[in-house]
C-alpha atoms as a PDB file:
ATOM      1  CA  MET A   1       0.000   0.000   0.000  1.00  0.00           C
ATOM      2  CA  GLY A   2       2.939   2.298  -0.361  1.00  0.00           C
ATOM      3  CA  CYS A   3       3.848   2.156   3.330  1.00  0.00           C
ATOM      4  CA  ASP A   4       7.539   1.652   2.793  1.00  0.00           C
ATOM      5  CA  GLY A   5       9.725   2.889   5.514  1.00  0.00           C
ATOM      6  CA  GLY A   6       7.461   1.858   8.369  1.00  0.00           C
ATOM      7  CA  THR A   7       4.821   4.563   7.928  1.00  0.00           C
ATOM      8  CA  ILE A   8       1.421   3.810   9.411  1.00  0.00           C
ATOM      9  CA  PRO A   9      -1.503   5.580   7.625  1.00  0.00           C
ATOM     10  CA  LYS A  10      -4.411   6.894   9.654  1.00  0.00           C
ATOM     11  CA  ARG A  11      -8.064   6.352   8.936  1.00  0.00           C
ATOM     12  CA  HIS A  12      -8.867   9.911   7.866  1.00  0.00           C
ATOM     13  CA  GLU A  13      -6.106   9.673   5.300  1.00  0.00           C
ATOM     14  CA  LEU A  14      -7.542   6.587   3.727  1.00  0.00           C
ATOM     15  CA  VAL A  15     -11.310   7.169   4.090  1.00  0.00           C
ATOM     16  CA  LYS A  16     -12.694  10.377   2.612  1.00  0.00           C
ATOM     17  CA  GLY A  17     -15.634  11.690   4.568  1.00  0.00           C
ATOM     18  CA  PRO A  18     -18.150  14.449   3.674  1.00  0.00           C
ATOM     19  CA  LYS A  19     -16.787  17.925   3.095  1.00  0.00           C
ATOM     20  CA  LYS A  20     -17.287  20.406   5.832  1.00  0.00           C
ATOM     21  CA  VAL A  21     -19.423  23.405   5.026  1.00  0.00           C
ATOM     22  CA  GLU A  22     -17.371  26.541   5.155  1.00  0.00           C
ATOM     23  CA  LYS A  23     -18.821  28.969   7.631  1.00  0.00           C
ATOM     24  CA  VAL A  24     -18.651  32.647   6.959  1.00  0.00           C
ATOM     25  CA  ASP A  25     -17.130  34.734   9.672  1.00  0.00           C
ATOM     26  CA  LYS A  26     -19.927  36.844  11.144  1.00  0.00           C
ATOM     27  CA  ASP A  27     -17.661  39.758  11.943  1.00  0.00           C
ATOM     28  CA  ALA A  28     -16.304  39.854   8.400  1.00  0.00           C
ATOM     29  CA  GLU A  29     -19.843  39.642   6.983  1.00  0.00           C
ATOM     30  CA  LEU A  30     -21.032  42.548   9.138  1.00  0.00           C
ATOM     31  CA  VAL A  31     -18.039  44.670   8.152  1.00  0.00           C
ATOM     32  CA  ALA A  32     -18.726  43.984   4.465  1.00  0.00           C
ATOM     33  CA  GLN A  33     -22.399  44.908   4.771  1.00  0.00           C
ATOM     34  CA  TRP A  34     -22.067  48.078   6.846  1.00  0.00           C
ATOM     35  CA  ASN A  35     -18.732  49.529   5.689  1.00  0.00           C
ATOM     36  CA  TYR A  36     -18.597  48.668   1.986  1.00  0.00           C
ATOM     37  CA  CYS A  37     -20.768  49.479  -1.025  1.00  0.00           C
ATOM     38  CA  ALA A  38     -22.938  46.544  -2.136  1.00  0.00           C
ATOM     39  CA  LEU A  39     -22.387  47.437  -5.810  1.00  0.00           C
ATOM     40  CA  SER A  40     -18.750  48.497  -6.204  1.00  0.00           C
ATOM     41  CA  GLN A  41     -17.336  46.787  -3.059  1.00  0.00           C
ATOM     42  CA  GLU A  42     -15.589  50.044  -2.139  1.00  0.00           C
ATOM     43  CA  ILE A  43     -15.580  51.719   1.260  1.00  0.00           C
ATOM     44  CA  LEU A  44     -18.749  53.713   1.861  1.00  0.00           C
ATOM     45  CA  ARG A  45     -18.247  57.442   1.547  1.00  0.00           C
ATOM     46  CA  ARG A  46     -20.688  60.301   1.431  1.00  0.00           C
ATOM     47  CA  PRO A  47     -23.090  60.718  -0.253  1.00  0.00           C
ATOM     48  CA  ILE A  48     -24.433  57.310   0.809  1.00  0.00           C
ATOM     49  CA  VAL A  49     -27.755  56.032  -0.532  1.00  0.00           C
ATOM     50  CA  ALA A  50     -29.988  53.067   0.284  1.00  0.00           C
ATOM     51  CA  CYS A  51     -32.318  51.145  -2.008  1.00  0.00           C
ATOM     52  CA  GLU A  52     -35.850  49.988  -1.280  1.00  0.00           C
ATOM     53  CA  LEU A  53     -34.486  46.628  -0.040  1.00  0.00           C
ATOM     54  CA  GLY A  54     -32.237  48.260   2.589  1.00  0.00           C
ATOM     55  CA  ARG A  55     -28.821  47.855   0.942  1.00  0.00           C
ATOM     56  CA  LEU A  56     -26.134  50.535   1.196  1.00  0.00           C
ATOM     57  CA  TYR A  57     -24.419  52.039  -1.860  1.00  0.00           C
ATOM     58  CA  ASN A  58     -22.174  54.890  -2.854  1.00  0.00           C
ATOM     59  CA  LYS A  59     -24.202  57.340  -4.879  1.00  0.00           C
ATOM     60  CA  ASP A  60     -21.575  57.712  -7.600  1.00  0.00           C
ATOM     61  CA  ALA A  61     -21.490  53.898  -8.034  1.00  0.00           C
ATOM     62  CA  VAL A  62     -25.271  53.826  -8.540  1.00  0.00           C
ATOM     63  CA  ILE A  63     -25.095  56.622 -11.125  1.00  0.00           C
ATOM     64  CA  GLU A  64     -22.345  54.799 -13.026  1.00  0.00           C
ATOM     65  CA  PHE A  65     -24.402  51.597 -12.942  1.00  0.00           C
ATOM     66  CA  LEU A  66     -27.492  53.376 -14.348  1.00  0.00           C
ATOM     67  CA  LEU A  67     -25.440  54.961 -17.135  1.00  0.00           C
ATOM     68  CA  ASP A  68     -23.667  51.717 -18.102  1.00  0.00           C
ATOM     69  CA  LYS A  69     -25.756  48.585 -17.512  1.00  0.00           C
ATOM     70  CA  SER A  70     -23.401  46.155 -19.223  1.00  0.00           C
ATOM     71  CA  SER A  71     -23.777  42.406 -18.767  1.00  0.00           C
ATOM     72  CA  GLU A  72     -20.057  42.071 -17.978  1.00  0.00           C
ATOM     73  CA  LYS A  73     -20.544  43.472 -14.504  1.00  0.00           C
ATOM     74  CA  ALA A  74     -21.154  40.528 -12.182  1.00  0.00           C
ATOM     75  CA  LEU A  75     -22.087  42.778  -9.277  1.00  0.00           C
ATOM     76  CA  GLY A  76     -24.921  44.352 -11.291  1.00  0.00           C
ATOM     77  CA  LYS A  77     -27.312  41.690  -9.972  1.00  0.00           C
ATOM     78  CA  ALA A  78     -27.199  43.309  -6.538  1.00  0.00           C
ATOM     79  CA  ALA A  79     -28.719  46.467  -8.039  1.00  0.00           C
ATOM     80  CA  ALA A  80     -30.945  44.947 -10.735  1.00  0.00           C
ATOM     81  CA  HIS A  81     -34.049  46.319  -9.012  1.00  0.00           C
ATOM     82  CA  ILE A  82     -32.737  49.912  -9.256  1.00  0.00           C
ATOM     83  CA  ARG A  83     -34.165  51.361 -12.458  1.00  0.00           C
ATOM     84  CA  SER A  84     -33.627  55.078 -11.820  1.00  0.00           C
ATOM     85  CA  ILE A  85     -32.071  57.395  -9.272  1.00  0.00           C
ATOM     86  CA  LYS A  86     -35.565  57.866  -7.789  1.00  0.00           C
ATOM     87  CA  ASN A  87     -35.453  54.273  -6.504  1.00  0.00           C
ATOM     88  CA  VAL A  88     -32.742  55.156  -3.968  1.00  0.00           C
ATOM     89  CA  THR A  89     -32.818  57.526  -1.001  1.00  0.00           C
ATOM     90  CA  GLU A  90     -29.890  59.628   0.145  1.00  0.00           C
ATOM     91  CA  LEU A  91     -29.240  58.939   3.828  1.00  0.00           C
ATOM     92  CA  ARG A  92     -28.795  61.583   6.516  1.00  0.00           C
ATOM     93  CA  LEU A  93     -26.337  59.890   8.870  1.00  0.00           C
ATOM     94  CA  SER A  94     -25.061  61.073  12.277  1.00  0.00           C
ATOM     95  CA  ASP A  95     -21.294  60.842  12.770  1.00  0.00           C
ATOM     96  CA  ASN A  96     -19.811  58.925  15.670  1.00  0.00           C
ATOM     97  CA  PRO A  97     -17.527  61.234  17.711  1.00  0.00           C
ATOM     98  CA  ALA A  98     -15.596  58.242  19.094  1.00  0.00           C
ATOM     99  CA  TRP A  99     -14.630  56.914  15.667  1.00  0.00           C
ATOM    100  CA  GLU A 100     -11.057  57.757  14.619  1.00  0.00           C
ATOM    101  CA  GLY A 101     -10.844  55.749  11.411  1.00  0.00           C
ATOM    102  CA  ASP A 102      -7.371  55.064  10.029  1.00  0.00           C
ATOM    103  CA  LYS A 103      -5.797  58.029  11.821  1.00  0.00           C
ATOM    104  CA  GLY A 104      -5.115  56.148  15.067  1.00  0.00           C
ATOM    105  CA  ASN A 105      -3.684  53.078  13.295  1.00  0.00           C
ATOM    106  CA  SER A 106      -1.518  54.639  10.628  1.00  0.00           C
ATOM    107  CA  LYS A 107       1.482  52.401  11.467  1.00  0.00           C
ATOM    108  CA  GLY A 108      -0.555  49.190  11.664  1.00  0.00           C
ATOM    109  CA  ASP A 109       0.597  48.379  15.182  1.00  0.00           C
ATOM    110  CA  ARG A 110      -2.801  48.769  16.837  1.00  0.00           C
ATOM    111  CA  HIS A 111      -5.786  46.498  17.045  1.00  0.00           C
ATOM    112  CA  ASP A 112      -8.771  47.508  14.884  1.00  0.00           C
ATOM    113  CA  ASP A 113     -11.926  47.448  16.940  1.00  0.00           C
ATOM    114  CA  LEU A 114     -14.635  46.136  14.635  1.00  0.00           C
ATOM    115  CA  GLN A 115     -17.299  47.209  17.096  1.00  0.00           C
ATOM    116  CA  ARG A 116     -16.559  50.852  16.356  1.00  0.00           C
ATOM    117  CA  ALA A 117     -18.669  52.375  13.602  1.00  0.00           C
ATOM    118  CA  ARG A 118     -18.595  55.627  11.687  1.00  0.00           C
ATOM    119  CA  PHE A 119     -22.238  56.449  12.373  1.00  0.00           C
ATOM    120  CA  ILE A 120     -24.550  56.243  15.365  1.00  0.00           C
ATOM    121  CA  CYS A 121     -28.222  56.620  16.151  1.00  0.00           C
ATOM    122  CA  PRO A 122     -28.921  60.304  16.950  1.00  0.00           C
ATOM    123  CA  VAL A 123     -31.616  59.402  19.508  1.00  0.00           C
ATOM    124  CA  VAL A 124     -30.283  56.447  21.517  1.00  0.00           C
ATOM    125  CA  GLY A 125     -26.573  56.633  20.615  1.00  0.00           C
ATOM    126  CA  LEU A 126     -26.170  53.034  19.402  1.00  0.00           C
ATOM    127  CA  GLU A 127     -23.383  52.473  16.896  1.00  0.00           C
ATOM    128  CA  MET A 128     -24.361  51.355  13.391  1.00  0.00           C
ATOM    129  CA  ASN A 129     -22.047  48.346  13.239  1.00  0.00           C
ATOM    130  CA  GLY A 130     -24.555  45.577  12.474  1.00  0.00           C
ATOM    131  CA  ARG A 131     -25.009  44.445  16.071  1.00  0.00           C
ATOM    132  CA  HIS A 132     -28.218  46.439  16.309  1.00  0.00           C
ATOM    133  CA  ARG A 133     -31.012  46.785  13.800  1.00  0.00           C
ATOM    134  CA  PHE A 134     -31.161  50.134  12.004  1.00  0.00           C
ATOM    135  CA  CYS A 135     -33.722  51.581   9.639  1.00  0.00           C
ATOM    136  CA  PHE A 136     -34.272  54.744   7.605  1.00  0.00           C
ATOM    137  CA  LEU A 137     -37.296  56.783   6.550  1.00  0.00           C
ATOM    138  CA  ARG A 138     -37.981  56.979   2.821  1.00  0.00           C
ATOM    139  CA  CYS A 139     -39.656  60.371   3.131  1.00  0.00           C
ATOM    140  CA  CYS A 140     -36.616  62.237   4.520  1.00  0.00           C
ATOM    141  CA  GLY A 141     -33.680  59.784   4.596  1.00  0.00           C
ATOM    142  CA  CYS A 142     -32.969  60.058   8.346  1.00  0.00           C
ATOM    143  CA  VAL A 143     -31.427  56.939   9.943  1.00  0.00           C
ATOM    144  CA  PHE A 144     -32.389  55.614  13.413  1.00  0.00           C
ATOM    145  CA  SER A 145     -32.043  52.441  15.377  1.00  0.00           C
ATOM    146  CA  GLU A 146     -35.100  50.233  15.619  1.00  0.00           C
ATOM    147  CA  ARG A 147     -34.970  50.580  19.396  1.00  0.00           C
ATOM    148  CA  ALA A 148     -35.384  54.357  19.130  1.00  0.00           C
ATOM    149  CA  LEU A 149     -38.486  54.022  16.966  1.00  0.00           C
ATOM    150  CA  LYS A 150     -40.018  51.507  19.369  1.00  0.00           C
ATOM    151  CA  GLU A 151     -39.246  53.392  22.563  1.00  0.00           C
ATOM    152  CA  ILE A 152     -40.177  56.849  21.259  1.00  0.00           C
ATOM    153  CA  LYS A 153     -43.318  56.301  19.235  1.00  0.00           C
ATOM    154  CA  ALA A 154     -44.171  59.294  17.072  1.00  0.00           C
ATOM    155  CA  GLU A 155     -45.642  60.053  13.674  1.00  0.00           C
ATOM    156  CA  VAL A 156     -42.954  62.597  12.819  1.00  0.00           C
ATOM    157  CA  CYS A 157     -39.204  62.226  12.342  1.00  0.00           C
ATOM    158  CA  HIS A 158     -37.107  62.715  15.489  1.00  0.00           C
ATOM    159  CA  THR A 159     -34.495  64.759  13.606  1.00  0.00           C
ATOM    160  CA  CYS A 160     -36.200  66.864  10.920  1.00  0.00           C
ATOM    161  CA  GLY A 161     -39.850  66.641  12.027  1.00  0.00           C
ATOM    162  CA  ALA A 162     -41.167  65.282   8.713  1.00  0.00           C
ATOM    163  CA  ALA A 163     -44.340  63.213   8.921  1.00  0.00           C
ATOM    164  CA  PHE A 164     -44.013  59.556   7.950  1.00  0.00           C
ATOM    165  CA  ARG A 165     -46.122  56.421   7.737  1.00  0.00           C
ATOM    166  CA  GLU A 166     -45.416  52.824   8.690  1.00  0.00           C
ATOM    167  CA  ASP A 167     -44.785  52.015   5.034  1.00  0.00           C
ATOM    168  CA  ASP A 168     -41.886  54.527   4.914  1.00  0.00           C
ATOM    169  CA  ILE A 169     -39.773  52.613   7.465  1.00  0.00           C
ATOM    170  CA  THR A 170     -37.144  50.477   5.690  1.00  0.00           C
ATOM    171  CA  VAL A 171     -34.797  48.129   7.579  1.00  0.00           C
ATOM    172  CA  LEU A 172     -31.112  48.412   6.650  1.00  0.00           C
ATOM    173  CA  ASN A 173     -29.329  45.119   5.858  1.00  0.00           C
ATOM    174  CA  GLY A 174     -32.201  43.055   7.230  1.00  0.00           C
ATOM    175  CA  THR A 175     -32.705  39.309   7.265  1.00  0.00           C
ATOM    176  CA  LYS A 176     -34.154  37.253   4.413  1.00  0.00           C
ATOM    177  CA  GLU A 177     -37.644  37.662   5.863  1.00  0.00           C
ATOM    178  CA  ASP A 178     -37.194  41.433   6.014  1.00  0.00           C
ATOM    179  CA  VAL A 179     -35.972  41.530   2.413  1.00  0.00           C
ATOM    180  CA  GLU A 180     -39.020  39.539   1.252  1.00  0.00           C
ATOM    181  CA  ILE A 181     -41.375  41.967   2.985  1.00  0.00           C
ATOM    182  CA  LEU A 182     -39.548  44.970   1.540  1.00  0.00           C
ATOM    183  CA  LYS A 183     -39.587  43.427  -1.927  1.00  0.00           C
ATOM    184  CA  ARG A 184     -43.354  42.894  -1.734  1.00  0.00           C
ATOM    185  CA  ARG A 185     -43.832  46.501  -0.619  1.00  0.00           C
ATOM    186  CA  MET A 186     -41.653  47.723  -3.472  1.00  0.00           C
ATOM    187  CA  GLU A 187     -43.672  45.834  -6.082  1.00  0.00           C
ATOM    188  CA  GLU A 188     -46.971  47.105  -4.640  1.00  0.00           C
ATOM    189  CA  ARG A 189     -45.657  50.685  -4.583  1.00  0.00           C
ATOM    190  CA  ARG A 190     -44.512  50.537  -8.201  1.00  0.00           C
ATOM    191  CA  LEU A 191     -47.780  48.965  -9.334  1.00  0.00           C
ATOM    192  CA  ARG A 192     -49.737  51.712  -7.559  1.00  0.00           C
ATOM    193  CA  ALA A 193     -47.623  54.412  -9.192  1.00  0.00           C
ATOM    194  CA  ARG A 194     -48.142  52.820 -12.619  1.00  0.00           C
ATOM    195  CA  LEU A 195     -51.927  52.734 -12.187  1.00  0.00           C
ATOM    196  CA  GLU A 196     -52.009  56.356 -11.024  1.00  0.00           C
ATOM    197  CA  LYS A 197     -49.995  57.391 -14.050  1.00  0.00           C
ATOM    198  CA  LYS A 198     -52.440  55.620 -16.382  1.00  0.00           C
ATOM    199  CA  ALA A 199     -55.410  57.224 -14.616  1.00  0.00           C
ATOM    200  CA  LYS A 200     -53.980  60.716 -15.173  1.00  0.00           C
ATOM    201  CA  LYS A 201     -53.689  60.327 -18.955  1.00  0.00           C
ATOM    202  CA  PRO A 202     -57.487  60.252 -19.716  1.00  0.00           C
ATOM    203  CA  LYS A 203     -57.986  63.356 -17.551  1.00  0.00           C
ATOM    204  CA  VAL A 204     -55.375  65.262 -19.536  1.00  0.00           C
ATOM    205  CA  ALA A 205     -56.999  64.163 -22.814  1.00  0.00           C
ATOM    206  CA  GLU A 206     -60.431  65.342 -21.610  1.00  0.00           C
ATOM    207  CA  SER A 207     -59.114  68.731 -20.532  1.00  0.00           C
ATOM    208  CA  VAL A 208     -57.520  69.202 -23.967  1.00  0.00           C
ATOM    209  CA  SER A 209     -60.708  68.208 -25.856  1.00  0.00           C
ATOM    210  CA  LYS A 210     -63.107  70.420 -23.825  1.00  0.00           C
ATOM    211  CA  PRO A 211     -62.034  73.783 -25.379  1.00  0.00           C
ATOM    212  CA  ASP A 212     -62.509  72.329 -28.885  1.00  0.00           C
ATOM    213  CA  VAL A 213     -66.056  71.258 -28.045  1.00  0.00           C
ATOM    214  CA  ILE A 214     -66.897  74.733 -26.729  1.00  0.00           C
ATOM    215  CA  GLU A 215     -65.589  76.394 -29.878  1.00  0.00           C
ATOM    216  CA  ASP A 216     -67.555  74.033 -32.124  1.00  0.00           C
ATOM    217  CA  SER A 217     -70.771  74.530 -30.182  1.00  0.00           C
ATOM    218  CA  ALA A 218     -70.454  78.317 -30.299  1.00  0.00           C
ATOM    219  CA  GLY A 219     -70.642  78.386 -34.122  1.00  0.00           C
ATOM    220  CA  PRO A 220     -74.282  77.348 -34.772  1.00  0.00           C
ATOM    221  CA  SER A 221     -75.637  79.761 -32.172  1.00  0.00           C
ATOM    222  CA  LYS A 222     -74.237  82.714 -34.151  1.00  0.00           C
ATOM    223  CA  ILE A 223     -75.719  81.406 -37.409  1.00  0.00           C
ATOM    224  CA  LYS A 224     -79.141  80.959 -35.848  1.00  0.00           C
ATOM    225  CA  ALA A 225     -79.165  84.485 -34.505  1.00  0.00           C
ATOM    226  CA  GLY A 226     -79.043  85.864 -38.038  1.00  0.00           C
ATOM    227  CA  LYS A 227     -76.415  87.436 -40.288  1.00  0.00           C
ATOM    228  CA  PRO A 228     -73.977  89.414 -38.154  1.00  0.00           C
ATOM    229  CA  ALA A 229     -73.081  91.829 -40.979  1.00  0.00           C
ATOM    230  CA  GLU A 230     -76.665  92.891 -41.598  1.00  0.00           C
ATOM    231  CA  SER A 231     -77.420  93.313 -37.918  1.00  0.00           C
ATOM    232  CA  SER A 232     -74.328  95.467 -37.409  1.00  0.00           C
ATOM    233  CA  LEU A 233     -75.257  97.712 -40.364  1.00  0.00           C
ATOM    234  CA  ASP A 234     -78.790  98.165 -39.080  1.00  0.00           C
ATOM    235  CA  SER A 235     -77.529  99.093 -35.648  1.00  0.00           C
ATOM    236  CA  ARG A 236     -75.117 101.644 -37.112  1.00  0.00           C
ATOM    237  CA  GLU A 237     -77.872 103.275 -39.188  1.00  0.00           C
ATOM    238  CA  LYS A 238     -80.100 103.501 -36.135  1.00  0.00           C
ATOM    239  CA  LYS A 239     -77.328 105.132 -34.139  1.00  0.00           C
ATOM    240  CA  ILE A 240     -76.715 107.704 -36.902  1.00  0.00           C
ATOM    241  CA  ASN A 241     -80.422 108.534 -37.174  1.00  0.00           C
ATOM    242  CA  LEU A 242     -80.863 108.798 -33.419  1.00  0.00           C
ATOM    243  CA  ALA A 243     -77.766 110.937 -32.883  1.00  0.00           C
ATOM    244  CA  PRO A 244     -79.168 114.243 -34.315  1.00  0.00           C
ATOM    245  CA  ASN A 245     -82.464 113.823 -32.455  1.00  0.00           C
ATOM    246  CA  SER A 246     -80.700 113.184 -29.167  1.00  0.00           C
ATOM    247  CA  ALA A 247     -78.447 116.185 -29.728  1.00  0.00           C
ATOM    248  CA  ALA A 248     -81.435 118.444 -30.429  1.00  0.00           C
ATOM    249  CA  GLU A 249     -83.257 117.188 -27.375  1.00  0.00           C
ATOM    250  CA  ASN A 250     -80.211 117.764 -25.179  1.00  0.00           C
ATOM    251  CA  GLY A 251     -79.855 121.292 -26.526  1.00  0.00           C
ATOM    252  CA  SER A 252     -83.489 122.197 -25.932  1.00  0.00           C
ATOM    253  CA  SER A 253     -83.531 120.711 -22.473  1.00  0.00           C
ATOM    254  CA  SER A 254     -80.433 122.625 -21.400  1.00  0.00           C
ATOM    255  CA  GLY A 255     -81.759 125.875 -22.798  1.00  0.00           C
ATOM    256  CA  LYS A 256     -78.902 126.351 -25.266  1.00  0.00           C
ATOM    257  CA  VAL A 257     -79.418 126.549 -29.007  1.00  0.00           C
ATOM    258  CA  GLY A 258     -77.761 123.541 -30.567  1.00  0.00           C
ATOM    259  CA  LYS A 259     -76.235 123.326 -33.994  1.00  0.00           C
ATOM    260  CA  PRO A 260     -78.710 122.317 -36.717  1.00  0.00           C
ATOM    261  CA  PRO A 261     -78.199 118.921 -38.265  1.00  0.00           C
ATOM    262  CA  CYS A 262     -76.143 118.609 -41.446  1.00  0.00           C
ATOM    263  CA  ALA A 263     -79.159 117.553 -43.561  1.00  0.00           C
ATOM    264  CA  ALA A 264     -80.963 120.852 -42.763  1.00  0.00           C
ATOM    265  CA  THR A 265     -78.086 123.086 -43.960  1.00  0.00           C
ATOM    266  CA  LYS A 266     -77.822 121.469 -47.402  1.00  0.00           C
ATOM    267  CA  ARG A 267     -79.893 123.343 -50.029  1.00  0.00           C
ATOM    268  CA  SER A 268     -80.181 122.911 -53.780  1.00  0.00           C
ATOM    269  CA  ILE A 269     -78.837 125.869 -55.789  1.00  0.00           C
ATOM    270  CA  ALA A 270     -81.587 125.403 -58.367  1.00  0.00           C
ATOM    271  CA  ASP A 271     -84.158 126.260 -55.681  1.00  0.00           C
ATOM    272  CA  SER A 272     -82.281 129.308 -54.490  1.00  0.00           C
ATOM    273  CA  GLU A 273     -83.174 132.875 -55.500  1.00  0.00           C
ATOM    274  CA  ALA A 274     -79.760 133.601 -57.099  1.00  0.00           C
ATOM    275  CA  SER A 275     -79.402 134.868 -60.659  1.00  0.00           C
ATOM    276  CA  GLU A 276     -79.163 132.593 -63.673  1.00  0.00           C
ATOM    277  CA  ALA A 277     -75.575 133.643 -64.309  1.00  0.00           C
ATOM    278  CA  TYR A 278     -74.625 132.517 -60.822  1.00  0.00           C
ATOM    279  CA  LYS A 279     -76.552 129.243 -61.199  1.00  0.00           C
ATOM    280  CA  SER A 280     -74.815 128.425 -64.492  1.00  0.00           C
ATOM    281  CA  LEU A 281     -71.500 128.174 -62.649  1.00  0.00           C
ATOM    282  CA  PHE A 282     -72.594 124.896 -60.991  1.00  0.00           C
ATOM    283  CA  THR A 283     -73.008 121.454 -62.552  1.00  0.00           C
ATOM    284  CA  THR A 284     -76.561 121.153 -61.330  1.00  0.00           C
ATOM    285  CA  HIS A 285     -77.694 123.876 -63.786  1.00  0.00           C
ATOM    286  CA  SER A 286     -79.615 122.785 -66.892  1.00  0.00           C
ATOM    287  CA  SER A 287     -76.953 124.255 -69.199  1.00  0.00           C
ATOM    288  CA  ALA A 288     -74.328 121.899 -67.766  1.00  0.00           C
ATOM    289  CA  LYS A 289     -76.384 118.808 -68.483  1.00  0.00           C
ATOM    290  CA  ARG A 290     -75.798 117.110 -71.852  1.00  0.00           C
ATOM    291  CA  SER A 291     -78.017 115.057 -74.025  1.00  0.00           C
ATOM    292  CA  LYS A 292     -77.451 111.438 -74.898  1.00  0.00           C
ATOM    293  CA  GLU A 293     -75.890 112.394 -78.232  1.00  0.00           C
ATOM    294  CA  GLU A 294     -73.370 114.629 -76.551  1.00  0.00           C
ATOM    295  CA  SER A 295     -72.505 112.133 -73.789  1.00  0.00           C
ATOM    296  CA  ALA A 296     -69.143 110.357 -73.896  1.00  0.00           C
ATOM    297  CA  HIS A 297     -68.711 107.036 -75.634  1.00  0.00           C
ATOM    298  CA  TRP A 298     -67.657 104.060 -73.529  1.00  0.00           C
ATOM    299  CA  VAL A 299     -64.406 103.691 -75.497  1.00  0.00           C
ATOM    300  CA  THR A 300     -63.322 107.264 -74.955  1.00  0.00           C
ATOM    301  CA  HIS A 301     -61.308 108.426 -71.966  1.00  0.00           C
ATOM    302  CA  THR A 302     -62.712 111.946 -71.491  1.00  0.00           C
ATOM    303  CA  SER A 303     -66.192 113.318 -71.706  1.00  0.00           C
ATOM    304  CA  TYR A 304     -65.197 115.703 -74.539  1.00  0.00           C
ATOM    305  CA  CYS A 305     -64.220 112.990 -77.059  1.00  0.00           C
ATOM    306  CA  PHE A 306     -67.183 111.985 -79.247  1.00  0.00           C
END
């Protein structure tokens, strides 16, 4: 059996048993979830956003993903549900005053405390390191611990005072059950928004068509009332005829002598008592009138060409 030299094989070397399942280190998993972007796997840096399923991303990584959705990116599956920048919420995080970052361990000779976190709950003071459940409000983006929301029950945000509903609370990096609930809420929310958008389209079409109907209905009413040109001419003639009478009445009532109307001042010269020599100067005199034989021909240009 190849045991030359007096070697004695052991049982585990000869019999192969089942492979052990590799367990993921919980501390390493928490650090990856709460300190690194779920899309680019880079350290989280402001501005930090969260999706509707409670995952943390760098905002610039999400924008790059939306601009270039290539199939080569293996990590794109983690953000497949993000269709636009409206599907993420920018978080308003509270800094942890006790967190020093890489400044205190620049030489690498100090122990990194994984329990320390960059951000804390502004109400209770718990560190956002994954040991405690945290959630954010979709309406304003403020982040709190779940303990703070349970102990201090209110319908407004503890930081900015914005009103929120139970549906606006989203758990950050929750369990599989939490992700399923959030996914169902997301689908219902998107379906509701799609139905509302479809319901608005007929209303816009009706508002556009109403002015056209009013204009079309206004046409026949004018035709039935009669010809507008004739009615306007009649009204003008009536105004002209009534104007001199009203002026005369106003003059007599005020006691002042008004000017006589224009029709009364016009007189025919033929009826006047002037001499015949004076009357012959005007075209209305009988000497100025011509007979048919003396009248101009239609081809001629002047009245003196026969």
